[in-house]
Structure formats: C-alpha cells, structure tokens
Amino acid sequence: MRTIDMDHTGNDKDFDRRRELRSFLMQCRTSLAPIELGLPLTTRRRVQGLRRGEVAELIGVTVDWYRAFESGRPVRVSPQFVARVGSALRLTPAQQMTLFRLSFLEMYRLFELIPVRT
C-alpha cells in the first residue's frame, strides 16, 4: 500500500512536485530552438521549441521513457540521468538545481525545510 505524503492543507506533496516538474520541463523545452542544438529543421512543427522525442534522442532514452518522466509519472531516475536532461536542455546552474529538486522527492522535501531569505 502506498502512503501519500500530505502537506498541512491536505494536498499530496508528490503530486505537486510532479506537476511542477512537468511545467518546468515543458517551459525549458519550448525555450530552445532545434537549430541551436544542431538538430535538423523539419518543414512543419506543431510545437514551439523542442519536441519530447528530440530531448529523448539527445539524452539517449526512448520517447516513452522521457514522456513518463516529463509528465510526472512516478519513475525512478538517477542523478546521472537528471544531469543529462539538464545538459541537453542547456540549463543554467540555477535551473539545474531546480531540476534536481523537482526530480527527487527527498530533495523537494529538503528544500521545503530551508528558510528563504529575502
């Protein structure tokens, strides 16, 4: 039986994390042009930026596996995989930190405990 980690309002924290991961990765994909990464141009694109298949190709996994990761399905990933995703999407160091925080529930929980200084 799976236990669900609820926050103080009764929301599933892991659901929130996975939803945030999906949004973050989609935003990162749409900010890149295929030509910037040396990918061939196609005549018609239904999406702005990179397609999931192009990201999957760049990091060396199947489209289905990357889709599962990006859509927030509960898949296990390694730090090496997350680093490859960050590299393929040309993330800044701050964006890479965000990607790692969102990719691992333990890091997500840890960052919730760190007070934000303004």
N, C-alpha and C. Protein backbone atom coordinates (compact mmCIF):
# COMPACT_ATOMS: atom_id res chain seq x y z
N MET A 1 0.83 -1.17 0.00
CA MET A 1 0.00 0.00 0.00
C MET A 1 0.88 1.25 0.00
N ARG A 2 0.56 2.19 -0.88
CA ARG A 2 1.33 3.41 -1.00
C ARG A 2 0.84 4.44 0.01
N THR A 3 1.76 5.03 0.75
CA THR A 3 1.37 6.11 1.64
C THR A 3 1.51 7.42 0.89
N ILE A 4 0.60 8.31 1.11
CA ILE A 4 0.62 9.60 0.44
C ILE A 4 1.09 10.64 1.43
N ASP A 5 2.09 11.41 1.03
CA ASP A 5 2.66 12.45 1.87
C ASP A 5 1.83 13.72 1.69
N MET A 6 1.07 14.06 2.70
CA MET A 6 0.19 15.23 2.62
C MET A 6 0.85 16.43 3.28
N ASP A 7 0.58 17.60 2.73
CA ASP A 7 1.04 18.81 3.38
C ASP A 7 -0.03 19.28 4.37
N HIS A 8 0.18 20.42 4.99
CA HIS A 8 -0.73 20.90 6.04
C HIS A 8 -2.14 21.21 5.53
N THR A 9 -2.29 21.39 4.21
CA THR A 9 -3.62 21.67 3.66
C THR A 9 -4.30 20.41 3.14
N GLY A 10 -3.64 19.26 3.26
CA GLY A 10 -4.23 18.02 2.78
C GLY A 10 -3.91 17.69 1.34
N ASN A 11 -2.97 18.42 0.72
CA ASN A 11 -2.58 18.14 -0.66
C ASN A 11 -1.45 17.13 -0.72
N ASP A 12 -1.46 16.32 -1.75
CA ASP A 12 -0.41 15.33 -1.98
C ASP A 12 0.84 16.07 -2.45
N LYS A 13 1.90 16.11 -1.62
CA LYS A 13 3.12 16.83 -1.96
C LYS A 13 3.79 16.26 -3.21
N ASP A 14 3.76 14.95 -3.35
CA ASP A 14 4.41 14.37 -4.50
C ASP A 14 3.67 14.74 -5.78
N PHE A 15 2.38 14.84 -5.72
CA PHE A 15 1.60 15.28 -6.88
C PHE A 15 2.00 16.70 -7.25
N ASP A 16 2.12 17.56 -6.26
CA ASP A 16 2.52 18.95 -6.50
C ASP A 16 3.91 19.01 -7.13
N ARG A 17 4.83 18.21 -6.61
CA ARG A 17 6.20 18.18 -7.14
C ARG A 17 6.20 17.73 -8.59
N ARG A 18 5.48 16.66 -8.88
CA ARG A 18 5.46 16.13 -10.25
C ARG A 18 4.80 17.10 -11.22
N ARG A 19 3.77 17.80 -10.76
CA ARG A 19 3.11 18.80 -11.61
C ARG A 19 4.07 19.95 -11.89
N GLU A 20 4.82 20.35 -10.89
CA GLU A 20 5.80 21.43 -11.05
C GLU A 20 6.94 20.99 -11.98
N LEU A 21 7.37 19.73 -11.87
CA LEU A 21 8.40 19.19 -12.76
C LEU A 21 7.93 19.24 -14.21
N ARG A 22 6.72 18.81 -14.45
CA ARG A 22 6.17 18.81 -15.81
C ARG A 22 6.16 20.22 -16.39
N SER A 23 5.68 21.16 -15.63
CA SER A 23 5.61 22.54 -16.09
C SER A 23 7.02 23.10 -16.37
N PHE A 24 7.95 22.82 -15.49
CA PHE A 24 9.32 23.30 -15.64
C PHE A 24 9.97 22.74 -16.90
N LEU A 25 9.85 21.42 -17.11
CA LEU A 25 10.47 20.81 -18.28
C LEU A 25 9.83 21.29 -19.58
N MET A 26 8.53 21.45 -19.59
CA MET A 26 7.87 21.94 -20.79
C MET A 26 8.34 23.36 -21.11
N GLN A 27 8.49 24.18 -20.10
CA GLN A 27 8.97 25.55 -20.29
C GLN A 27 10.39 25.54 -20.85
N CYS A 28 11.23 24.67 -20.31
CA CYS A 28 12.62 24.58 -20.78
C CYS A 28 12.68 24.10 -22.23
N ARG A 29 11.85 23.13 -22.57
CA ARG A 29 11.82 22.61 -23.95
C ARG A 29 11.39 23.68 -24.94
N THR A 30 10.38 24.45 -24.59
CA THR A 30 9.85 25.44 -25.53
C THR A 30 10.79 26.63 -25.71
N SER A 31 11.73 26.81 -24.79
CA SER A 31 12.65 27.95 -24.91
C SER A 31 13.83 27.68 -25.83
N LEU A 32 13.98 26.44 -26.29
CA LEU A 32 15.10 26.09 -27.17
C LEU A 32 14.62 25.86 -28.60
N ALA A 33 15.42 26.30 -29.54
CA ALA A 33 15.13 26.03 -30.95
C ALA A 33 15.98 24.83 -31.38
N PRO A 34 15.41 23.93 -32.16
CA PRO A 34 16.18 22.75 -32.60
C PRO A 34 17.49 23.12 -33.30
N ILE A 35 17.49 24.19 -34.04
CA ILE A 35 18.70 24.61 -34.76
C ILE A 35 19.84 24.94 -33.81
N GLU A 36 19.50 25.44 -32.59
CA GLU A 36 20.51 25.76 -31.59
C GLU A 36 21.28 24.53 -31.15
N LEU A 37 20.65 23.37 -31.24
CA LEU A 37 21.27 22.13 -30.78
C LEU A 37 21.77 21.27 -31.93
N GLY A 38 21.75 21.83 -33.13
CA GLY A 38 22.24 21.09 -34.28
C GLY A 38 21.27 20.04 -34.80
N LEU A 39 20.00 20.16 -34.41
CA LEU A 39 19.01 19.21 -34.90
C LEU A 39 18.48 19.68 -36.24
N PRO A 40 18.13 18.74 -37.12
CA PRO A 40 17.63 19.14 -38.44
C PRO A 40 16.29 19.86 -38.34
N LEU A 41 16.10 20.80 -39.23
CA LEU A 41 14.82 21.51 -39.29
C LEU A 41 13.82 20.68 -40.09
N THR A 42 12.61 20.64 -39.60
CA THR A 42 11.55 19.97 -40.35
C THR A 42 10.63 21.05 -40.90
N THR A 43 9.86 20.69 -41.88
CA THR A 43 9.02 21.68 -42.54
C THR A 43 7.89 22.18 -41.65
N ARG A 44 7.33 21.31 -40.84
CA ARG A 44 6.19 21.72 -40.03
C ARG A 44 6.37 21.29 -38.58
N ARG A 45 6.18 22.23 -37.68
CA ARG A 45 6.29 21.94 -36.26
C ARG A 45 4.99 22.34 -35.59
N ARG A 46 4.43 21.42 -34.85
CA ARG A 46 3.19 21.72 -34.11
C ARG A 46 3.48 22.33 -32.75
N VAL A 47 4.72 22.21 -32.31
CA VAL A 47 5.09 22.76 -31.00
C VAL A 47 6.24 23.73 -31.16
N GLN A 48 6.26 24.72 -30.28
CA GLN A 48 7.38 25.64 -30.24
C GLN A 48 8.51 24.98 -29.47
N GLY A 49 9.73 25.17 -29.92
CA GLY A 49 10.86 24.60 -29.21
C GLY A 49 11.10 23.15 -29.58
N LEU A 50 11.67 22.42 -28.63
CA LEU A 50 12.00 21.02 -28.87
C LEU A 50 10.80 20.11 -28.62
N ARG A 51 10.73 19.05 -29.38
CA ARG A 51 9.74 18.00 -29.15
C ARG A 51 10.29 17.06 -28.09
N ARG A 52 9.40 16.33 -27.45
CA ARG A 52 9.87 15.34 -26.45
C ARG A 52 10.81 14.33 -27.09
N GLY A 53 10.50 13.92 -28.30
CA GLY A 53 11.35 12.95 -29.00
C GLY A 53 12.75 13.47 -29.24
N GLU A 54 12.88 14.76 -29.49
CA GLU A 54 14.20 15.34 -29.70
C GLU A 54 14.99 15.38 -28.40
N VAL A 55 14.32 15.69 -27.30
CA VAL A 55 15.00 15.66 -26.00
C VAL A 55 15.43 14.23 -25.68
N ALA A 56 14.54 13.28 -25.90
CA ALA A 56 14.85 11.87 -25.64
C ALA A 56 16.06 11.42 -26.44
N GLU A 57 16.11 11.83 -27.69
CA GLU A 57 17.25 11.48 -28.55
C GLU A 57 18.54 12.08 -28.01
N LEU A 58 18.48 13.32 -27.57
CA LEU A 58 19.68 13.99 -27.05
C LEU A 58 20.21 13.33 -25.78
N ILE A 59 19.32 12.78 -24.94
CA ILE A 59 19.77 12.18 -23.68
C ILE A 59 19.91 10.67 -23.75
N GLY A 60 19.50 10.07 -24.88
CA GLY A 60 19.72 8.64 -25.08
C GLY A 60 18.71 7.73 -24.41
N VAL A 61 17.45 8.14 -24.38
CA VAL A 61 16.39 7.28 -23.85
C VAL A 61 15.25 7.23 -24.87
N THR A 62 14.30 6.35 -24.65
CA THR A 62 13.16 6.28 -25.55
C THR A 62 12.22 7.46 -25.31
N VAL A 63 11.43 7.76 -26.32
CA VAL A 63 10.45 8.84 -26.19
C VAL A 63 9.46 8.51 -25.08
N ASP A 64 9.03 7.26 -25.02
CA ASP A 64 8.06 6.86 -23.99
C ASP A 64 8.62 7.07 -22.59
N TRP A 65 9.90 6.75 -22.41
CA TRP A 65 10.50 6.90 -21.08
C TRP A 65 10.60 8.38 -20.71
N TYR A 66 11.07 9.20 -21.65
CA TYR A 66 11.16 10.64 -21.36
C TYR A 66 9.77 11.22 -21.11
N ARG A 67 8.79 10.80 -21.89
CA ARG A 67 7.42 11.30 -21.70
C ARG A 67 6.92 10.96 -20.30
N ALA A 68 7.21 9.75 -19.84
CA ALA A 68 6.80 9.35 -18.49
C ALA A 68 7.47 10.24 -17.45
N PHE A 69 8.74 10.53 -17.63
CA PHE A 69 9.46 11.39 -16.69
C PHE A 69 8.88 12.81 -16.72
N GLU A 70 8.75 13.37 -17.93
CA GLU A 70 8.28 14.75 -18.03
C GLU A 70 6.85 14.91 -17.55
N SER A 71 6.03 13.92 -17.80
CA SER A 71 4.62 14.06 -17.41
C SER A 71 4.41 13.81 -15.92
N GLY A 72 5.47 13.48 -15.21
CA GLY A 72 5.37 13.36 -13.76
C GLY A 72 4.93 12.00 -13.27
N ARG A 73 5.02 11.00 -14.13
CA ARG A 73 4.70 9.65 -13.65
C ARG A 73 5.77 9.23 -12.65
N PRO A 74 5.42 8.40 -11.70
CA PRO A 74 6.40 8.01 -10.67
C PRO A 74 7.44 7.03 -11.21
N VAL A 75 8.44 7.55 -11.89
CA VAL A 75 9.55 6.73 -12.40
C VAL A 75 10.78 7.04 -11.58
N ARG A 76 11.66 6.05 -11.47
CA ARG A 76 12.92 6.26 -10.75
C ARG A 76 13.97 6.74 -11.73
N VAL A 77 14.67 7.80 -11.34
CA VAL A 77 15.73 8.34 -12.18
C VAL A 77 17.01 8.43 -11.35
N SER A 78 18.12 8.42 -12.07
CA SER A 78 19.42 8.55 -11.40
C SER A 78 19.88 10.01 -11.51
N PRO A 79 20.79 10.41 -10.64
CA PRO A 79 21.36 11.76 -10.77
C PRO A 79 22.03 11.96 -12.13
N GLN A 80 22.63 10.90 -12.68
CA GLN A 80 23.27 11.00 -13.98
C GLN A 80 22.24 11.30 -15.07
N PHE A 81 21.08 10.66 -15.00
CA PHE A 81 20.02 10.92 -15.97
C PHE A 81 19.57 12.37 -15.87
N VAL A 82 19.33 12.85 -14.68
CA VAL A 82 18.86 14.23 -14.48
C VAL A 82 19.92 15.21 -15.00
N ALA A 83 21.20 14.90 -14.78
CA ALA A 83 22.28 15.76 -15.29
C ALA A 83 22.26 15.78 -16.82
N ARG A 84 22.00 14.63 -17.45
CA ARG A 84 21.93 14.58 -18.92
C ARG A 84 20.76 15.42 -19.43
N VAL A 85 19.63 15.37 -18.73
CA VAL A 85 18.48 16.19 -19.12
C VAL A 85 18.86 17.67 -19.03
N GLY A 86 19.48 18.06 -17.93
CA GLY A 86 19.90 19.45 -17.75
C GLY A 86 20.87 19.91 -18.81
N SER A 87 21.80 19.03 -19.16
CA SER A 87 22.77 19.36 -20.20
C SER A 87 22.10 19.48 -21.57
N ALA A 88 21.21 18.56 -21.88
CA ALA A 88 20.52 18.58 -23.18
C ALA A 88 19.66 19.83 -23.33
N LEU A 89 19.06 20.27 -22.24
CA LEU A 89 18.21 21.45 -22.28
C LEU A 89 18.98 22.75 -22.05
N ARG A 90 20.31 22.61 -21.92
CA ARG A 90 21.20 23.76 -21.73
C ARG A 90 20.77 24.65 -20.56
N LEU A 91 20.54 24.00 -19.43
CA LEU A 91 20.07 24.73 -18.26
C LEU A 91 21.21 25.47 -17.58
N THR A 92 20.87 26.59 -16.98
CA THR A 92 21.83 27.34 -16.17
C THR A 92 22.04 26.55 -14.87
N PRO A 93 23.07 26.88 -14.09
CA PRO A 93 23.25 26.19 -12.81
C PRO A 93 22.01 26.30 -11.89
N ALA A 94 21.38 27.46 -11.86
CA ALA A 94 20.18 27.62 -11.03
C ALA A 94 19.04 26.75 -11.54
N GLN A 95 18.88 26.66 -12.85
CA GLN A 95 17.84 25.81 -13.43
C GLN A 95 18.14 24.33 -13.17
N GLN A 96 19.43 23.96 -13.21
CA GLN A 96 19.80 22.58 -12.92
C GLN A 96 19.46 22.23 -11.48
N MET A 97 19.68 23.16 -10.56
CA MET A 97 19.31 22.93 -9.16
C MET A 97 17.81 22.70 -9.05
N THR A 98 17.04 23.51 -9.77
CA THR A 98 15.58 23.36 -9.77
C THR A 98 15.20 22.00 -10.32
N LEU A 99 15.85 21.58 -11.41
CA LEU A 99 15.56 20.27 -11.99
C LEU A 99 15.84 19.15 -11.00
N PHE A 100 16.96 19.20 -10.31
CA PHE A 100 17.28 18.17 -9.32
C PHE A 100 16.27 18.20 -8.17
N ARG A 101 15.93 19.38 -7.71
CA ARG A 101 14.96 19.50 -6.61
C ARG A 101 13.62 18.89 -6.99
N LEU A 102 13.20 19.11 -8.22
CA LEU A 102 11.90 18.60 -8.67
C LEU A 102 11.94 17.13 -9.05
N SER A 103 13.12 16.61 -9.38
CA SER A 103 13.24 15.23 -9.83
C SER A 103 13.25 14.22 -8.69
N PHE A 104 13.61 14.65 -7.50
CA PHE A 104 13.74 13.74 -6.37
C PHE A 104 12.90 14.25 -5.20
N LEU A 105 11.95 13.44 -4.77
CA LEU A 105 11.06 13.83 -3.68
C LEU A 105 11.84 14.21 -2.43
N GLU A 106 12.92 13.50 -2.15
CA GLU A 106 13.70 13.79 -0.94
C GLU A 106 14.29 15.20 -1.00
N MET A 107 14.79 15.60 -2.17
CA MET A 107 15.34 16.95 -2.31
C MET A 107 14.23 17.98 -2.24
N TYR A 108 13.08 17.66 -2.79
CA TYR A 108 11.93 18.56 -2.75
C TYR A 108 11.54 18.84 -1.31
N ARG A 109 11.49 17.77 -0.52
CA ARG A 109 11.15 17.92 0.90
C ARG A 109 12.22 18.71 1.64
N LEU A 110 13.48 18.45 1.35
CA LEU A 110 14.59 19.14 1.99
C LEU A 110 14.52 20.64 1.74
N PHE A 111 14.26 21.03 0.48
CA PHE A 111 14.19 22.44 0.16
C PHE A 111 13.01 23.13 0.83
N GLU A 112 11.98 22.37 1.16
CA GLU A 112 10.85 22.96 1.89
C GLU A 112 11.27 23.35 3.30
N LEU A 113 12.29 22.68 3.85
CA LEU A 113 12.72 22.94 5.21
C LEU A 113 13.68 24.12 5.31
N ILE A 114 14.29 24.50 4.17
CA ILE A 114 15.27 25.58 4.18
C ILE A 114 14.54 26.92 4.10
N PRO A 115 14.76 27.79 5.08
CA PRO A 115 14.06 29.08 5.04
C PRO A 115 14.57 29.95 3.89
N VAL A 116 13.68 30.67 3.29
CA VAL A 116 14.02 31.57 2.20
C VAL A 116 14.38 32.92 2.80
N ARG A 117 15.55 33.42 2.43
CA ARG A 117 16.00 34.73 2.94
C ARG A 117 15.74 35.78 1.88
N THR A 118 15.23 36.87 2.31
CA THR A 118 14.97 37.98 1.37
C THR A 118 15.78 39.19 1.71
